[in-house]
Amino acid sequence: MTTNEDLHELTAAYALDALDADERSAYERHLADCDQCRADLRDLGGTVGALSLATDGPAPPDGLRERILVAAREEGKSNVVAIGPRRSRVYVAVAAVAVAAVGLAIGLYAALSGGPSRRLAVAVDGGVARATVSGFGVAPAGKAYELWVIEAKTPRPAGLFAGGDKQVVVLTRPAPTGSTVAVTLERAGGAKTPTSPILEQTTVTA
């Protein structure tokens, strides 16, 4: 007999479509009356949905596989716990979501990180500020890089760009001497306030 506790544990497997027909039907009946499972499912759904933006991560270092195997052999069997088929599938689903989140973070880092080659420079001529940007990877689908002018710790939106090749972006607002111009990754239409982290920033000089 399936208990409520069993059904609570099926949330991750349901999010990954890893349940059989009977389990799915039972879980969906339970879901209609369980606020906690609905909340957990929303959280997991965000992680799974974000995978559509992920890119291939960087290649693992040479010898990583062998080091993992050696460590596993040295660990022995003391930490191995036998679990039944149902719990195996649930735990595998939970692990898959966790690995997916890590893979997403690595993929986005690989796509967006310009490393030492990323550059942001701002020049002001006749009151018009222009930002020269380079080394920024192409923004993921549904995203754009946004420029901000920051004065007295207050950031204000100042333009968007897609990344890729070196380009010059005319800021949509003045950038006074001493202000900071920064770049963040936002939704394609831009945002009213910047989302962490700041990818690059520079101080406007005379």
Protein backbone atom coordinates (compact mmCIF):
# COMPACT_ATOMS: atom_id res chain seq x y z
CA MET A 1 0.00 0.00 0.00
CA THR A 2 1.34 3.42 -0.97
CA THR A 3 1.43 5.88 1.92
CA ASN A 4 1.51 9.67 1.87
CA GLU A 5 5.16 9.50 2.87
CA ASP A 6 5.89 7.33 -0.17
CA LEU A 7 4.09 9.81 -2.40
CA HIS A 8 6.06 12.75 -0.98
CA GLU A 9 9.24 10.98 -2.09
CA LEU A 10 8.05 10.72 -5.71
CA THR A 11 8.23 14.46 -6.41
CA ALA A 12 11.65 14.43 -8.07
CA ALA A 13 10.83 11.34 -10.14
CA TYR A 14 7.56 12.97 -11.27
CA ALA A 15 9.42 16.14 -12.30
CA LEU A 16 11.69 14.02 -14.50
CA ASP A 17 8.81 11.91 -15.88
CA ALA A 18 10.32 8.79 -14.29
CA LEU A 19 7.11 7.26 -12.85
CA ASP A 20 5.07 4.43 -14.30
CA ALA A 21 1.40 5.00 -15.13
CA ASP A 22 0.03 3.76 -11.77
CA GLU A 23 2.50 5.80 -9.73
CA ARG A 24 1.83 8.89 -11.82
CA SER A 25 -1.93 8.60 -11.31
CA ALA A 26 -1.53 8.10 -7.55
CA TYR A 27 0.91 11.00 -7.28
CA GLU A 28 -1.31 13.37 -9.26
CA ARG A 29 -4.27 12.57 -6.99
CA HIS A 30 -2.05 13.27 -3.99
CA LEU A 31 -0.70 16.45 -5.58
CA ALA A 32 -4.15 18.01 -5.74
CA ASP A 33 -4.30 18.14 -1.92
CA CYS A 34 -0.62 18.58 -0.95
CA ASP A 35 0.71 22.15 -0.80
CA GLN A 36 4.23 20.98 0.07
CA CYS A 37 4.54 18.68 -2.95
CA ARG A 38 3.22 21.41 -5.26
CA ALA A 39 5.84 23.82 -3.90
CA ASP A 40 8.61 21.22 -4.23
CA LEU A 41 7.49 20.44 -7.78
CA ARG A 42 7.63 24.12 -8.75
CA ASP A 43 11.19 24.34 -7.42
CA LEU A 44 12.30 21.22 -9.29
CA GLY A 45 10.48 22.31 -12.41
CA GLY A 46 12.54 25.51 -12.53
CA THR A 47 15.76 23.52 -12.45
CA VAL A 48 14.64 21.01 -15.07
CA GLY A 49 13.24 23.75 -17.32
CA ALA A 50 16.46 25.73 -17.12
CA LEU A 51 18.28 22.86 -18.84
CA SER A 52 17.02 24.20 -22.17
CA LEU A 53 19.49 27.07 -21.75
CA ALA A 54 22.47 24.92 -20.84
CA THR A 55 25.42 24.53 -23.17
CA ASP A 56 28.14 21.94 -23.19
CA GLY A 57 30.42 22.37 -20.20
CA PRO A 58 34.19 22.51 -20.33
CA ALA A 59 36.05 19.24 -20.82
CA PRO A 60 37.06 17.52 -17.55
CA PRO A 61 40.74 17.62 -16.62
CA ASP A 62 42.95 14.77 -17.81
CA GLY A 63 43.05 11.93 -15.32
CA LEU A 64 39.84 12.94 -13.51
CA ARG A 65 38.10 9.62 -14.26
CA GLU A 66 41.05 7.60 -12.97
CA ARG A 67 41.26 9.69 -9.76
CA ILE A 68 37.55 9.11 -9.11
CA LEU A 69 37.91 5.36 -9.64
CA VAL A 70 40.93 5.20 -7.32
CA ALA A 71 39.08 7.13 -4.63
CA ALA A 72 36.06 4.83 -4.98
CA ARG A 73 38.23 1.72 -4.59
CA GLU A 74 39.93 3.17 -1.53
CA GLU A 75 36.57 4.05 0.04
CA GLY A 76 35.49 0.41 -0.01
CA LYS A 77 31.97 -0.84 0.68
CA SER A 78 31.42 0.62 4.16
CA ASN A 79 29.21 3.43 2.88
CA VAL A 80 27.11 1.35 0.46
CA VAL A 81 23.45 1.18 1.47
CA ALA A 82 21.06 -1.26 -0.18
CA ILE A 83 17.76 0.31 -1.25
CA GLY A 84 14.67 -1.08 -2.92
CA PRO A 85 13.64 -0.53 -6.53
CA ARG A 86 11.18 2.29 -5.75
CA ARG A 87 13.62 4.24 -3.60
CA SER A 88 16.43 3.59 -6.10
CA ARG A 89 14.46 5.32 -8.81
CA VAL A 90 13.53 8.20 -6.52
CA TYR A 91 17.12 8.73 -5.36
CA VAL A 92 18.40 8.49 -8.93
CA ALA A 93 15.86 11.14 -9.94
CA VAL A 94 16.93 13.43 -7.12
CA ALA A 95 20.58 12.93 -8.08
CA ALA A 96 19.76 13.65 -11.71
CA VAL A 97 18.17 16.98 -10.80
CA ALA A 98 21.20 17.89 -8.68
CA VAL A 99 23.60 16.93 -11.48
CA ALA A 100 21.47 18.88 -13.95
CA ALA A 101 21.73 21.99 -11.80
CA VAL A 102 25.51 21.65 -11.63
CA GLY A 103 25.69 21.02 -15.37
CA LEU A 104 23.57 24.11 -16.02
CA ALA A 105 25.86 26.26 -13.90
CA ILE A 106 28.97 24.91 -15.66
CA GLY A 107 27.38 25.31 -19.08
CA LEU A 108 26.33 28.89 -18.48
CA TYR A 109 29.76 29.70 -17.10
CA ALA A 110 31.39 28.27 -20.20
CA ALA A 111 29.03 30.21 -22.46
CA LEU A 112 29.21 33.55 -20.68
CA SER A 113 32.63 33.76 -19.13
CA GLY A 114 34.97 35.83 -21.17
CA GLY A 115 37.89 35.15 -18.83
CA PRO A 116 40.93 37.37 -19.38
CA SER A 117 39.76 38.35 -22.90
CA ARG A 118 36.51 39.98 -21.79
CA ARG A 119 36.62 43.78 -22.05
CA LEU A 120 34.38 46.75 -21.28
CA ALA A 121 35.51 50.29 -22.06
CA VAL A 122 33.46 53.50 -22.01
CA ALA A 123 34.19 56.72 -23.89
CA VAL A 124 32.16 59.93 -23.63
CA ASP A 125 32.12 62.43 -26.48
CA GLY A 126 29.81 65.44 -26.56
CA GLY A 127 27.78 64.03 -23.69
CA VAL A 128 27.13 60.75 -25.51
CA ALA A 129 28.55 57.64 -23.84
CA ARG A 130 29.61 54.63 -25.91
CA ALA A 131 30.56 51.26 -24.46
CA THR A 132 32.96 49.03 -26.38
CA VAL A 133 32.37 45.40 -25.37
CA SER A 134 34.26 42.27 -26.42
CA GLY A 135 34.87 38.75 -25.16
CA PHE A 136 31.26 38.21 -24.07
CA GLY A 137 29.83 34.92 -25.32
CA VAL A 138 26.55 34.99 -27.24
CA ALA A 139 23.74 35.36 -24.69
CA PRO A 140 21.49 32.26 -24.24
CA ALA A 141 18.05 32.19 -25.88
CA GLY A 142 15.67 34.57 -24.11
CA LYS A 143 18.55 36.48 -22.51
CA ALA A 144 20.56 39.63 -23.26
CA TYR A 145 23.43 41.52 -21.71
CA GLU A 146 22.35 44.77 -20.10
CA LEU A 147 24.47 47.85 -19.46
CA TRP A 148 23.98 49.91 -16.31
CA VAL A 149 25.12 53.36 -15.25
CA ILE A 150 25.66 53.37 -11.49
CA GLU A 151 25.75 56.68 -9.59
CA ALA A 152 25.71 56.95 -5.79
CA LYS A 153 25.14 53.17 -5.65
CA THR A 154 21.96 53.51 -7.77
CA PRO A 155 22.01 51.46 -11.01
CA ARG A 156 19.98 52.62 -14.00
CA PRO A 157 19.50 50.65 -17.25
CA ALA A 158 21.54 52.02 -20.15
CA GLY A 159 21.21 49.62 -23.09
CA LEU A 160 21.28 46.00 -24.27
CA PHE A 161 23.55 43.89 -26.45
CA ALA A 162 23.56 40.26 -27.57
CA GLY A 163 27.24 39.41 -27.13
CA GLY A 164 29.46 37.64 -29.61
CA ASP A 165 31.70 39.84 -31.75
CA LYS A 166 33.25 43.06 -30.52
CA GLN A 167 30.72 45.88 -30.73
CA VAL A 168 30.11 49.47 -29.72
CA VAL A 169 26.87 50.20 -27.85
CA VAL A 170 25.55 53.76 -27.47
CA LEU A 171 24.31 54.11 -23.91
CA THR A 172 20.73 55.28 -23.55
CA ARG A 173 21.63 57.63 -20.68
CA PRO A 174 24.57 59.87 -19.75
CA ALA A 175 27.53 58.35 -17.93
CA PRO A 176 29.12 61.17 -15.86
CA THR A 177 32.78 61.15 -14.88
CA GLY A 178 33.23 58.98 -11.80
CA SER A 179 30.15 56.86 -12.46
CA THR A 180 30.37 53.11 -12.98
CA VAL A 181 29.21 51.28 -16.09
CA ALA A 182 28.46 47.60 -15.50
CA VAL A 183 27.18 44.58 -17.44
CA THR A 184 24.79 41.87 -16.23
CA LEU A 185 22.84 39.07 -17.92
CA GLU A 186 19.09 39.72 -17.97
CA ARG A 187 15.95 38.61 -19.79
CA ALA A 188 15.84 39.62 -23.44
CA GLY A 189 13.74 42.75 -22.89
CA GLY A 190 15.94 44.06 -20.09
CA ALA A 191 15.26 44.55 -16.39
CA LYS A 192 14.54 47.46 -14.06
CA THR A 193 17.16 46.36 -11.54
CA PRO A 194 20.35 44.37 -12.20
CA THR A 195 20.61 40.65 -11.49
CA SER A 196 23.78 39.40 -9.80
CA PRO A 197 26.51 38.74 -10.63
CA ILE A 198 28.01 41.77 -12.36
CA LEU A 199 29.94 40.29 -15.29
CA GLU A 200 32.17 43.29 -15.95
CA GLN A 201 32.39 46.92 -14.83
CA THR A 202 34.48 50.04 -15.35
CA THR A 203 34.71 53.55 -13.95
CA VAL A 204 34.09 56.44 -16.36
CA THR A 205 37.07 58.79 -16.51
CA ALA A 206 37.28 62.30 -17.91
